[in-house]
Each structure stands twice: as structure tokens, then as C-alpha cells.
Amino acid sequence: MSYIPNTDAERNQMLKKIGVHSFEELIQVIPEKFLLLEPLNLSPPLSELELTQLVNALASKNIDTQKFSSFLGAGVYDHFIPAAVDTIVSRPEFYSLHSLSS
């Protein structure tokens, strides 16, 4: 899912549309027992490549086709494609008339 930032004006317009004046007013109906009362203990942010490497390290604890032979997808080799590539190549100026008609 793509990240779509909203301006303060857009957020205020959305809040007004649903009948509240602020984000705090919107969430005031949530019982206190469900609210986060202390900061999350999160690690520092990671780049897309670092996060992919971390997830792959965690996934490597599972049995997969990296450890055992598989004949599915023959000819596919290890490579990294940043998520931004999908967004960029999906722009209309990268399509040919042939690819649109297929």
C-alpha cells in the first residue's frame, strides 16, 4: 500500500466531514485501557534494504527453497528490487500502446 501524505488542511477537512473538530476528539471514545500510555520501545528506523535483510534473516529460520532444491521458477535468480520501482514503472509514460491493449 502506498503512503499518501495529507496536509493539515486536508486532515481538517476530513475531520469536519465526519463531524469532529480534532483528532483527539475523534479518538476520545476509545476506552483508556486500550490507549498507549508509554512510548513504544522501537529500534531505530531502517532503510528498505536493511529492513528486507532483517526480514530475510528472520525468515531464514524457516525451511524454504534457499535451503532445499526446488524446480519451481527455474531461471529466477536472487536479486533486490526496491519497492519504488513498481510505482515508477507503473506510470503511464512507461506503457506502450501494445502493453495497454494486452
PDB file of N, CA and C in Angstrom:
ATOM      1  N   MET A   1       0.846  -1.170   0.000  1.00  0.00           N
ATOM      2  CA  MET A   1       0.000   0.000   0.000  1.00  0.00           C
ATOM      3  C   MET A   1       0.890   1.232   0.000  1.00  0.00           C
ATOM      4  N   SER A   2       0.581   2.161  -0.866  1.00  0.00           N
ATOM      5  CA  SER A   2       1.381   3.370  -0.979  1.00  0.00           C
ATOM      6  C   SER A   2       1.080   4.329   0.171  1.00  0.00           C
ATOM      7  N   TYR A   3       2.104   5.097   0.540  1.00  0.00           N
ATOM      8  CA  TYR A   3       1.942   6.116   1.561  1.00  0.00           C
ATOM      9  C   TYR A   3       1.523   7.406   0.875  1.00  0.00           C
ATOM     10  N   ILE A   4       0.381   7.964   1.280  1.00  0.00           N
ATOM     11  CA  ILE A   4      -0.109   9.203   0.698  1.00  0.00           C
ATOM     12  C   ILE A   4      -0.207  10.234   1.820  1.00  0.00           C
ATOM     13  N   PRO A   5       0.730  11.202   1.859  1.00  0.00           N
ATOM     14  CA  PRO A   5       0.704  12.198   2.928  1.00  0.00           C
ATOM     15  C   PRO A   5      -0.472  13.160   2.756  1.00  0.00           C
ATOM     16  N   ASN A   6      -1.002  13.632   3.852  1.00  0.00           N
ATOM     17  CA  ASN A   6      -2.089  14.605   3.836  1.00  0.00           C
ATOM     18  C   ASN A   6      -1.612  15.888   4.511  1.00  0.00           C
ATOM     19  N   THR A   7      -2.059  17.010   3.990  1.00  0.00           N
ATOM     20  CA  THR A   7      -1.726  18.288   4.598  1.00  0.00           C
ATOM     21  C   THR A   7      -2.628  18.518   5.804  1.00  0.00           C
ATOM     22  N   ASP A   8      -2.266  19.495   6.651  1.00  0.00           N
ATOM     23  CA  ASP A   8      -3.120  19.843   7.788  1.00  0.00           C
ATOM     24  C   ASP A   8      -4.506  20.260   7.309  1.00  0.00           C
ATOM     25  N   ALA A   9      -4.559  21.016   6.213  1.00  0.00           N
ATOM     26  CA  ALA A   9      -5.853  21.461   5.679  1.00  0.00           C
ATOM     27  C   ALA A   9      -6.705  20.276   5.251  1.00  0.00           C
ATOM     28  N   GLU A  10      -6.090  19.272   4.600  1.00  0.00           N
ATOM     29  CA  GLU A  10      -6.832  18.078   4.173  1.00  0.00           C
ATOM     30  C   GLU A  10      -7.321  17.278   5.376  1.00  0.00           C
ATOM     31  N   ARG A  11      -6.478  17.143   6.399  1.00  0.00           N
ATOM     32  CA  ARG A  11      -6.906  16.430   7.611  1.00  0.00           C
ATOM     33  C   ARG A  11      -8.068  17.157   8.278  1.00  0.00           C
ATOM     34  N   ASN A  12      -7.975  18.475   8.380  1.00  0.00           N
ATOM     35  CA  ASN A  12      -9.064  19.254   8.989  1.00  0.00           C
ATOM     36  C   ASN A  12     -10.354  19.112   8.185  1.00  0.00           C
ATOM     37  N   GLN A  13     -10.246  19.086   6.859  1.00  0.00           N
ATOM     38  CA  GLN A  13     -11.420  18.904   6.005  1.00  0.00           C
ATOM     39  C   GLN A  13     -12.058  17.529   6.247  1.00  0.00           C
ATOM     40  N   MET A  14     -11.223  16.480   6.384  1.00  0.00           N
ATOM     41  CA  MET A  14     -11.751  15.137   6.652  1.00  0.00           C
ATOM     42  C   MET A  14     -12.435  15.075   8.017  1.00  0.00           C
ATOM     43  N   LEU A  15     -11.803  15.685   9.037  1.00  0.00           N
ATOM     44  CA  LEU A  15     -12.395  15.688  10.372  1.00  0.00           C
ATOM     45  C   LEU A  15     -13.733  16.417  10.365  1.00  0.00           C
ATOM     46  N   LYS A  16     -13.783  17.568   9.682  1.00  0.00           N
ATOM     47  CA  LYS A  16     -15.031  18.345   9.594  1.00  0.00           C
ATOM     48  C   LYS A  16     -16.116  17.519   8.915  1.00  0.00           C
ATOM     49  N   LYS A  17     -15.734  16.780   7.858  1.00  0.00           N
ATOM     50  CA  LYS A  17     -16.699  15.970   7.103  1.00  0.00           C
ATOM     51  C   LYS A  17     -17.353  14.898   7.983  1.00  0.00           C
ATOM     52  N   ILE A  18     -16.593  14.334   8.936  1.00  0.00           N
ATOM     53  CA  ILE A  18     -17.165  13.300   9.805  1.00  0.00           C
ATOM     54  C   ILE A  18     -17.718  13.868  11.108  1.00  0.00           C
ATOM     55  N   GLY A  19     -17.643  15.210  11.251  1.00  0.00           N
ATOM     56  CA  GLY A  19     -18.317  15.855  12.370  1.00  0.00           C
ATOM     57  C   GLY A  19     -17.514  16.006  13.648  1.00  0.00           C
ATOM     58  N   VAL A  20     -16.200  16.017  13.563  1.00  0.00           N
ATOM     59  CA  VAL A  20     -15.372  16.266  14.739  1.00  0.00           C
ATOM     60  C   VAL A  20     -14.425  17.424  14.444  1.00  0.00           C
ATOM     61  N   HIS A  21     -13.906  18.043  15.515  1.00  0.00           N
ATOM     62  CA  HIS A  21     -13.064  19.222  15.334  1.00  0.00           C
ATOM     63  C   HIS A  21     -11.572  18.915  15.411  1.00  0.00           C
ATOM     64  N   SER A  22     -11.207  17.765  15.966  1.00  0.00           N
ATOM     65  CA  SER A  22      -9.788  17.440  16.105  1.00  0.00           C
ATOM     66  C   SER A  22      -9.612  15.926  16.141  1.00  0.00           C
ATOM     67  N   PHE A  23      -8.377  15.497  15.930  1.00  0.00           N
ATOM     68  CA  PHE A  23      -8.059  14.076  16.010  1.00  0.00           C
ATOM     69  C   PHE A  23      -8.323  13.560  17.424  1.00  0.00           C
ATOM     70  N   GLU A  24      -7.964  14.374  18.418  1.00  0.00           N
ATOM     71  CA  GLU A  24      -8.175  13.980  19.816  1.00  0.00           C
ATOM     72  C   GLU A  24      -9.658  13.741  20.097  1.00  0.00           C
ATOM     73  N   GLU A  25     -10.522  14.592  19.540  1.00  0.00           N
ATOM     74  CA  GLU A  25     -11.963  14.401  19.709  1.00  0.00           C
ATOM     75  C   GLU A  25     -12.403  13.092  19.035  1.00  0.00           C
ATOM     76  N   LEU A  26     -11.799  12.779  17.905  1.00  0.00           N
ATOM     77  CA  LEU A  26     -12.129  11.558  17.178  1.00  0.00           C
ATOM     78  C   LEU A  26     -11.834  10.312  18.005  1.00  0.00           C
ATOM     79  N   ILE A  27     -10.703  10.307  18.716  1.00  0.00           N
ATOM     80  CA  ILE A  27     -10.300   9.100  19.448  1.00  0.00           C
ATOM     81  C   ILE A  27     -10.718   9.099  20.916  1.00  0.00           C
ATOM     82  N   GLN A  28     -11.402  10.140  21.376  1.00  0.00           N
ATOM     83  CA  GLN A  28     -11.770  10.203  22.792  1.00  0.00           C
ATOM     84  C   GLN A  28     -12.739   9.099  23.211  1.00  0.00           C
ATOM     85  N   VAL A  29     -13.398   8.466  22.253  1.00  0.00           N
ATOM     86  CA  VAL A  29     -14.337   7.386  22.576  1.00  0.00           C
ATOM     87  C   VAL A  29     -13.624   6.057  22.832  1.00  0.00           C
ATOM     88  N   ILE A  30     -12.325   5.988  22.576  1.00  0.00           N
ATOM     89  CA  ILE A  30     -11.567   4.752  22.811  1.00  0.00           C
ATOM     90  C   ILE A  30     -11.324   4.608  24.314  1.00  0.00           C
ATOM     91  N   PRO A  31     -11.717   3.481  24.911  1.00  0.00           N
ATOM     92  CA  PRO A  31     -11.501   3.291  26.348  1.00  0.00           C
ATOM     93  C   PRO A  31     -10.021   3.411  26.713  1.00  0.00           C
ATOM     94  N   GLU A  32      -9.729   3.992  27.866  1.00  0.00           N
ATOM     95  CA  GLU A  32      -8.354   4.249  28.296  1.00  0.00           C
ATOM     96  C   GLU A  32      -7.520   2.976  28.361  1.00  0.00           C
ATOM     97  N   LYS A  33      -8.155   1.846  28.679  1.00  0.00           N
ATOM     98  CA  LYS A  33      -7.379   0.600  28.784  1.00  0.00           C
ATOM     99  C   LYS A  33      -6.768   0.181  27.446  1.00  0.00           C
ATOM    100  N   PHE A  34      -7.261   0.755  26.325  1.00  0.00           N
ATOM    101  CA  PHE A  34      -6.714   0.432  25.009  1.00  0.00           C
ATOM    102  C   PHE A  34      -5.714   1.477  24.510  1.00  0.00           C
ATOM    103  N   LEU A  35      -5.524   2.550  25.241  1.00  0.00           N
ATOM    104  CA  LEU A  35      -4.618   3.612  24.820  1.00  0.00           C
ATOM    105  C   LEU A  35      -3.178   3.286  25.201  1.00  0.00           C
ATOM    106  N   LEU A  36      -2.253   3.711  24.388  1.00  0.00           N
ATOM    107  CA  LEU A  36      -0.835   3.553  24.657  1.00  0.00           C
ATOM    108  C   LEU A  36      -0.436   4.640  25.639  1.00  0.00           C
ATOM    109  N   LEU A  37       0.004   4.243  26.828  1.00  0.00           N
ATOM    110  CA  LEU A  37       0.315   5.210  27.877  1.00  0.00           C
ATOM    111  C   LEU A  37       1.808   5.499  27.989  1.00  0.00           C
ATOM    112  N   GLU A  38       2.629   4.745  27.295  1.00  0.00           N
ATOM    113  CA  GLU A  38       4.071   4.975  27.321  1.00  0.00           C
ATOM    114  C   GLU A  38       4.616   4.784  25.912  1.00  0.00           C
ATOM    115  N   PRO A  39       5.742   5.387  25.595  1.00  0.00           N
ATOM    116  CA  PRO A  39       6.297   5.250  24.241  1.00  0.00           C
ATOM    117  C   PRO A  39       6.655   3.797  23.920  1.00  0.00           C
ATOM    118  N   LEU A  40       6.514   3.450  22.652  1.00  0.00           N
ATOM    119  CA  LEU A  40       6.920   2.117  22.215  1.00  0.00           C
ATOM    120  C   LEU A  40       8.436   2.025  22.228  1.00  0.00           C
ATOM    121  N   ASN A  41       8.962   0.879  22.596  1.00  0.00           N
ATOM    122  CA  ASN A  41      10.404   0.661  22.605  1.00  0.00           C
ATOM    123  C   ASN A  41      10.800   0.075  21.252  1.00  0.00           C
ATOM    124  N   LEU A  42      10.952   0.973  20.264  1.00  0.00           N
ATOM    125  CA  LEU A  42      11.254   0.536  18.906  1.00  0.00           C
ATOM    126  C   LEU A  42      12.714   0.762  18.576  1.00  0.00           C
ATOM    127  N   SER A  43      13.245  -0.071  17.716  1.00  0.00           N
ATOM    128  CA  SER A  43      14.610   0.126  17.237  1.00  0.00           C
ATOM    129  C   SER A  43      14.620   1.321  16.283  1.00  0.00           C
ATOM    130  N   PRO A  44      15.804   1.852  16.004  1.00  0.00           N
ATOM    131  CA  PRO A  44      15.890   2.984  15.070  1.00  0.00           C
ATOM    132  C   PRO A  44      15.326   2.604  13.697  1.00  0.00           C
ATOM    133  N   PRO A  45      14.923   3.589  12.899  1.00  0.00           N
ATOM    134  CA  PRO A  45      14.375   3.278  11.570  1.00  0.00           C
ATOM    135  C   PRO A  45      15.426   2.618  10.680  1.00  0.00           C
ATOM    136  N   LEU A  46      14.959   1.803   9.748  1.00  0.00           N
ATOM    137  CA  LEU A  46      15.840   1.096   8.821  1.00  0.00           C
ATOM    138  C   LEU A  46      15.513   1.516   7.391  1.00  0.00           C
ATOM    139  N   SER A  47      16.518   1.429   6.528  1.00  0.00           N
ATOM    140  CA  SER A  47      16.260   1.654   5.107  1.00  0.00           C
ATOM    141  C   SER A  47      15.484   0.452   4.572  1.00  0.00           C
ATOM    142  N   GLU A  48      14.954   0.584   3.377  1.00  0.00           N
ATOM    143  CA  GLU A  48      14.215  -0.524   2.779  1.00  0.00           C
ATOM    144  C   GLU A  48      15.106  -1.755   2.641  1.00  0.00           C
ATOM    145  N   LEU A  49      16.355  -1.553   2.208  1.00  0.00           N
ATOM    146  CA  LEU A  49      17.274  -2.676   2.046  1.00  0.00           C
ATOM    147  C   LEU A  49      17.589  -3.324   3.395  1.00  0.00           C
ATOM    148  N   GLU A  50      17.848  -2.512   4.433  1.00  0.00           N
ATOM    149  CA  GLU A  50      18.146  -3.060   5.766  1.00  0.00           C
ATOM    150  C   GLU A  50      16.951  -3.838   6.320  1.00  0.00           C
ATOM    151  N   LEU A  51      15.748  -3.295   6.122  1.00  0.00           N
ATOM    152  CA  LEU A  51      14.544  -3.978   6.599  1.00  0.00           C
ATOM    153  C   LEU A  51      14.340  -5.292   5.860  1.00  0.00           C
ATOM    154  N   THR A  52      14.570  -5.281   4.554  1.00  0.00           N
ATOM    155  CA  THR A  52      14.455  -6.515   3.773  1.00  0.00           C
ATOM    156  C   THR A  52      15.445  -7.555   4.266  1.00  0.00           C
ATOM    157  N   GLN A  53      16.677  -7.127   4.551  1.00  0.00           N
ATOM    158  CA  GLN A  53      17.689  -8.053   5.066  1.00  0.00           C
ATOM    159  C   GLN A  53      17.281  -8.603   6.434  1.00  0.00           C
ATOM    160  N   LEU A  54      16.721  -7.758   7.297  1.00  0.00           N
ATOM    161  CA  LEU A  54      16.269  -8.215   8.615  1.00  0.00           C
ATOM    162  C   LEU A  54      15.147  -9.237   8.486  1.00  0.00           C
ATOM    163  N   VAL A  55      14.162  -8.941   7.655  1.00  0.00           N
ATOM    164  CA  VAL A  55      13.042  -9.868   7.474  1.00  0.00           C
ATOM    165  C   VAL A  55      13.540 -11.182   6.876  1.00  0.00           C
ATOM    166  N   ASN A  56      14.470 -11.089   5.936  1.00  0.00           N
ATOM    167  CA  ASN A  56      15.036 -12.311   5.354  1.00  0.00           C
ATOM    168  C   ASN A  56      15.793 -13.122   6.402  1.00  0.00           C
ATOM    169  N   ALA A  57      16.506 -12.439   7.299  1.00  0.00           N
ATOM    170  CA  ALA A  57      17.225 -13.146   8.369  1.00  0.00           C
ATOM    171  C   ALA A  57      16.234 -13.871   9.282  1.00  0.00           C
ATOM    172  N   LEU A  58      15.125 -13.214   9.603  1.00  0.00           N
ATOM    173  CA  LEU A  58      14.099 -13.866  10.435  1.00  0.00           C
ATOM    174  C   LEU A  58      13.457 -15.027   9.680  1.00  0.00           C
ATOM    175  N   ALA A  59      13.175 -14.817   8.392  1.00  0.00           N
ATOM    176  CA  ALA A  59      12.541 -15.861   7.587  1.00  0.00           C
ATOM    177  C   ALA A  59      13.473 -17.044   7.367  1.00  0.00           C
ATOM    178  N   SER A  60      14.780 -16.800   7.442  1.00  0.00           N
ATOM    179  CA  SER A  60      15.729 -17.893   7.206  1.00  0.00           C
ATOM    180  C   SER A  60      15.647 -18.963   8.279  1.00  0.00           C
ATOM    181  N   LYS A  61      14.958 -18.678   9.354  1.00  0.00           N
ATOM    182  CA  LYS A  61      14.766 -19.687  10.396  1.00  0.00           C
ATOM    183  C   LYS A  61      13.760 -20.744   9.950  1.00  0.00           C
ATOM    184  N   ASN A  62      13.030 -20.443   8.873  1.00  0.00           N
ATOM    185  CA  ASN A  62      12.067 -21.390   8.307  1.00  0.00           C
ATOM    186  C   ASN A  62      12.746 -22.220   7.223  1.00  0.00           C
ATOM    187  N   ILE A  63      12.179 -23.367   6.911  1.00  0.00           N
ATOM    188  CA  ILE A  63      12.679 -24.180   5.808  1.00  0.00           C
ATOM    189  C   ILE A  63      12.071 -23.599   4.528  1.00  0.00           C
ATOM    190  N   ASP A  64      12.946 -23.313   3.552  1.00  0.00           N
ATOM    191  CA  ASP A  64      12.463 -22.744   2.301  1.00  0.00           C
ATOM    192  C   ASP A  64      13.315 -23.204   1.136  1.00  0.00           C
ATOM    193  N   THR A  65      13.057 -22.646  -0.035  1.00  0.00           N
ATOM    194  CA  THR A  65      13.772 -23.071  -1.235  1.00  0.00           C
ATOM    195  C   THR A  65      15.202 -22.562  -1.278  1.00  0.00           C
ATOM    196  N   GLN A  66      15.602 -21.718  -0.328  1.00  0.00           N
ATOM    197  CA  GLN A  66      17.005 -21.313  -0.246  1.00  0.00           C
ATOM    198  C   GLN A  66      17.854 -22.453   0.336  1.00  0.00           C
ATOM    199  N   LYS A  67      17.224 -23.324   1.118  1.00  0.00           N
ATOM    200  CA  LYS A  67      17.944 -24.413   1.774  1.00  0.00           C
ATOM    201  C   LYS A  67      17.745 -25.751   1.077  1.00  0.00           C
ATOM    202  N   PHE A  68      16.656 -25.896   0.340  1.00  0.00           N
ATOM    203  CA  PHE A  68      16.337 -27.152  -0.319  1.00  0.00           C
ATOM    204  C   PHE A  68      16.078 -26.913  -1.792  1.00  0.00           C
ATOM    205  N   SER A  69      16.404 -27.887  -2.614  1.00  0.00           N
ATOM    206  CA  SER A  69      16.203 -27.758  -4.057  1.00  0.00           C
ATOM    207  C   SER A  69      14.727 -27.702  -4.394  1.00  0.00           C
ATOM    208  N   SER A  70      14.426 -26.839  -5.356  1.00  0.00           N
ATOM    209  CA  SER A  70      13.073 -26.746  -5.882  1.00  0.00           C
ATOM    210  C   SER A  70      13.192 -26.452  -7.370  1.00  0.00           C
ATOM    211  N   PHE A  71      12.336 -27.050  -8.147  1.00  0.00           N
ATOM    212  CA  PHE A  71      12.383 -26.820  -9.582  1.00  0.00           C
ATOM    213  C   PHE A  71      11.310 -25.827 -10.026  1.00  0.00           C
ATOM    214  N   LEU A  72      10.637 -25.200  -9.075  1.00  0.00           N
ATOM    215  CA  LEU A  72       9.660 -24.167  -9.408  1.00  0.00           C
ATOM    216  C   LEU A  72      10.396 -22.883  -9.756  1.00  0.00           C
ATOM    217  N   GLY A  73       9.965 -22.204 -10.782  1.00  0.00           N
ATOM    218  CA  GLY A  73      10.560 -20.920 -11.140  1.00  0.00           C
ATOM    219  C   GLY A  73      11.976 -21.028 -11.644  1.00  0.00           C
ATOM    220  N   ALA A  74      12.293 -22.086 -12.352  1.00  0.00           N
ATOM    221  CA  ALA A  74      13.655 -22.283 -12.854  1.00  0.00           C
ATOM    222  C   ALA A  74      14.080 -21.066 -13.662  1.00  0.00           C
ATOM    223  N   GLY A  75      15.311 -20.607 -13.434  1.00  0.00           N
ATOM    224  CA  GLY A  75      15.843 -19.447 -14.134  1.00  0.00           C
ATOM    225  C   GLY A  75      15.666 -18.153 -13.371  1.00  0.00           C
ATOM    226  N   VAL A  76      15.045 -18.182 -12.193  1.00  0.00           N
ATOM    227  CA  VAL A  76      14.886 -16.984 -11.380  1.00  0.00           C
ATOM    228  C   VAL A  76      16.046 -16.937 -10.393  1.00  0.00           C
ATOM    229  N   TYR A  77      16.768 -15.818 -10.397  1.00  0.00           N
ATOM    230  CA  TYR A  77      17.952 -15.703  -9.559  1.00  0.00           C
ATOM    231  C   TYR A  77      17.756 -14.635  -8.490  1.00  0.00           C
ATOM    232  N   ASP A  78      18.557 -14.694  -7.429  1.00  0.00           N
ATOM    233  CA  ASP A  78      18.468 -13.731  -6.334  1.00  0.00           C
ATOM    234  C   ASP A  78      18.739 -12.321  -6.839  1.00  0.00           C
ATOM    235  N   HIS A  79      17.883 -11.411  -6.463  1.00  0.00           N
ATOM    236  CA  HIS A  79      18.070 -10.007  -6.791  1.00  0.00           C
ATOM    237  C   HIS A  79      17.212  -9.162  -5.868  1.00  0.00           C
ATOM    238  N   PHE A  80      17.532  -7.875  -5.759  1.00  0.00           N
ATOM    239  CA  PHE A  80      16.758  -6.954  -4.916  1.00  0.00           C
ATOM    240  C   PHE A  80      16.186  -5.864  -5.803  1.00  0.00           C
ATOM    241  N   ILE A  81      14.873  -5.666  -5.736  1.00  0.00           N
ATOM    242  CA  ILE A  81      14.211  -4.592  -6.483  1.00  0.00           C
ATOM    243  C   ILE A  81      13.502  -3.704  -5.462  1.00  0.00           C
ATOM    244  N   PRO A  82      13.942  -2.449  -5.297  1.00  0.00           N
ATOM    245  CA  PRO A  82      13.284  -1.544  -4.342  1.00  0.00           C
ATOM    246  C   PRO A  82      11.800  -1.367  -4.673  1.00  0.00           C
ATOM    247  N   ALA A  83      10.978  -1.186  -3.673  1.00  0.00           N
ATOM    248  CA  ALA A  83       9.534  -1.047  -3.864  1.00  0.00           C
ATOM    249  C   ALA A  83       9.190   0.134  -4.760  1.00  0.00           C
ATOM    250  N   ALA A  84      10.018   1.170  -4.750  1.00  0.00           N
ATOM    251  CA  ALA A  84       9.737   2.357  -5.568  1.00  0.00           C
ATOM    252  C   ALA A  84       9.709   2.021  -7.054  1.00  0.00           C
ATOM    253  N   VAL A  85      10.397   0.963  -7.470  1.00  0.00           N
ATOM    254  CA  VAL A  85      10.436   0.611  -8.886  1.00  0.00           C
ATOM    255  C   VAL A  85       9.035   0.313  -9.406  1.00  0.00           C
ATOM    256  N   ASP A  86       8.215  -0.418  -8.651  1.00  0.00           N
ATOM    257  CA  ASP A  86       6.845  -0.712  -9.082  1.00  0.00           C
ATOM    258  C   ASP A  86       6.061   0.560  -9.329  1.00  0.00           C
ATOM    259  N   THR A  87       6.209   1.530  -8.440  1.00  0.00           N
ATOM    260  CA  THR A  87       5.489   2.794  -8.575  1.00  0.00           C
ATOM    261  C   THR A  87       5.965   3.547  -9.811  1.00  0.00           C
ATOM    262  N   ILE A  88       7.271   3.589  -9.993  1.00  0.00           N
ATOM    263  CA  ILE A  88       7.824   4.332 -11.123  1.00  0.00           C
ATOM    264  C   ILE A  88       7.423   3.703 -12.455  1.00  0.00           C
ATOM    265  N   VAL A  89       7.590   2.387 -12.588  1.00  0.00           N
ATOM    266  CA  VAL A  89       7.289   1.756 -13.872  1.00  0.00           C
ATOM    267  C   VAL A  89       5.795   1.618 -14.131  1.00  0.00           C
ATOM    268  N   SER A  90       4.958   1.856 -13.138  1.00  0.00           N
ATOM    269  CA  SER A  90       3.518   1.799 -13.373  1.00  0.00           C
ATOM    270  C   SER A  90       2.975   3.121 -13.896  1.00  0.00           C
ATOM    271  N   ARG A  91       3.831   4.127 -14.030  1.00  0.00           N
ATOM    272  CA  ARG A  91       3.408   5.418 -14.582  1.00  0.00           C
ATOM    273  C   ARG A  91       3.067   5.240 -16.052  1.00  0.00           C
ATOM    274  N   PRO A  92       2.031   5.916 -16.538  1.00  0.00           N
ATOM    275  CA  PRO A  92       1.557   5.724 -17.918  1.00  0.00           C
ATOM    276  C   PRO A  92       2.624   5.974 -18.989  1.00  0.00           C
ATOM    277  N   GLU A  93       3.566   6.869 -18.742  1.00  0.00           N
ATOM    278  CA  GLU A  93       4.557   7.151 -19.780  1.00  0.00           C
ATOM    279  C   GLU A  93       5.502   5.977 -20.037  1.00  0.00           C
ATOM    280  N   PHE A  94       5.482   4.953 -19.176  1.00  0.00           N
ATOM    281  CA  PHE A  94       6.302   3.775 -19.389  1.00  0.00           C
ATOM    282  C   PHE A  94       5.544   2.662 -20.119  1.00  0.00           C
ATOM    283  N   TYR A  95       4.252   2.840 -20.349  1.00  0.00           N
ATOM    284  CA  TYR A  95       3.469   1.821 -21.053  1.00  0.00           C
ATOM    285  C   TYR A  95       3.551   2.067 -22.555  1.00  0.00           C
ATOM    286  N   SER A  96       3.558   1.009 -23.316  1.00  0.00           N
ATOM    287  CA  SER A  96       3.426   1.151 -24.763  1.00  0.00           C
ATOM    288  C   SER A  96       1.970   0.916 -25.107  1.00  0.00           C
ATOM    289  N   LEU A  97       1.577   1.321 -26.275  1.00  0.00           N
ATOM    290  CA  LEU A  97       0.191   1.057 -26.701  1.00  0.00           C
ATOM    291  C   LEU A  97      -0.057  -0.448 -26.755  1.00  0.00           C
ATOM    292  N   HIS A  98       0.969  -1.206 -27.098  1.00  0.00           N
ATOM    293  CA  HIS A  98       0.816  -2.666 -27.163  1.00  0.00           C
ATOM    294  C   HIS A  98       0.519  -3.239 -25.779  1.00  0.00           C
ATOM    295  N   SER A  99       1.225  -2.760 -24.742  1.00  0.00           N
ATOM    296  CA  SER A  99       1.017  -3.328 -23.414  1.00  0.00           C
ATOM    297  C   SER A  99      -0.340  -2.949 -22.853  1.00  0.00           C
ATOM    298  N   LEU A 100      -0.902  -1.811 -23.270  1.00  0.00           N
ATOM    299  CA  LEU A 100      -2.220  -1.406 -22.786  1.00  0.00           C
ATOM    300  C   LEU A 100      -3.317  -2.233 -23.422  1.00  0.00           C
ATOM    301  N   SER A 101      -3.105  -2.710 -24.616  1.00  0.00           N
ATOM    302  CA  SER A 101      -4.146  -3.476 -25.302  1.00  0.00           C
ATOM    303  C   SER A 101      -4.117  -4.956 -24.955  1.00  0.00           C
ATOM    304  N   SER A 102      -3.057  -5.417 -24.295  1.00  0.00           N
ATOM    305  CA  SER A 102      -2.942  -6.839 -23.976  1.00  0.00           C
ATOM    306  C   SER A 102      -3.762  -7.185 -22.770  1.00  0.00           C
TER     307      SER A 102
END
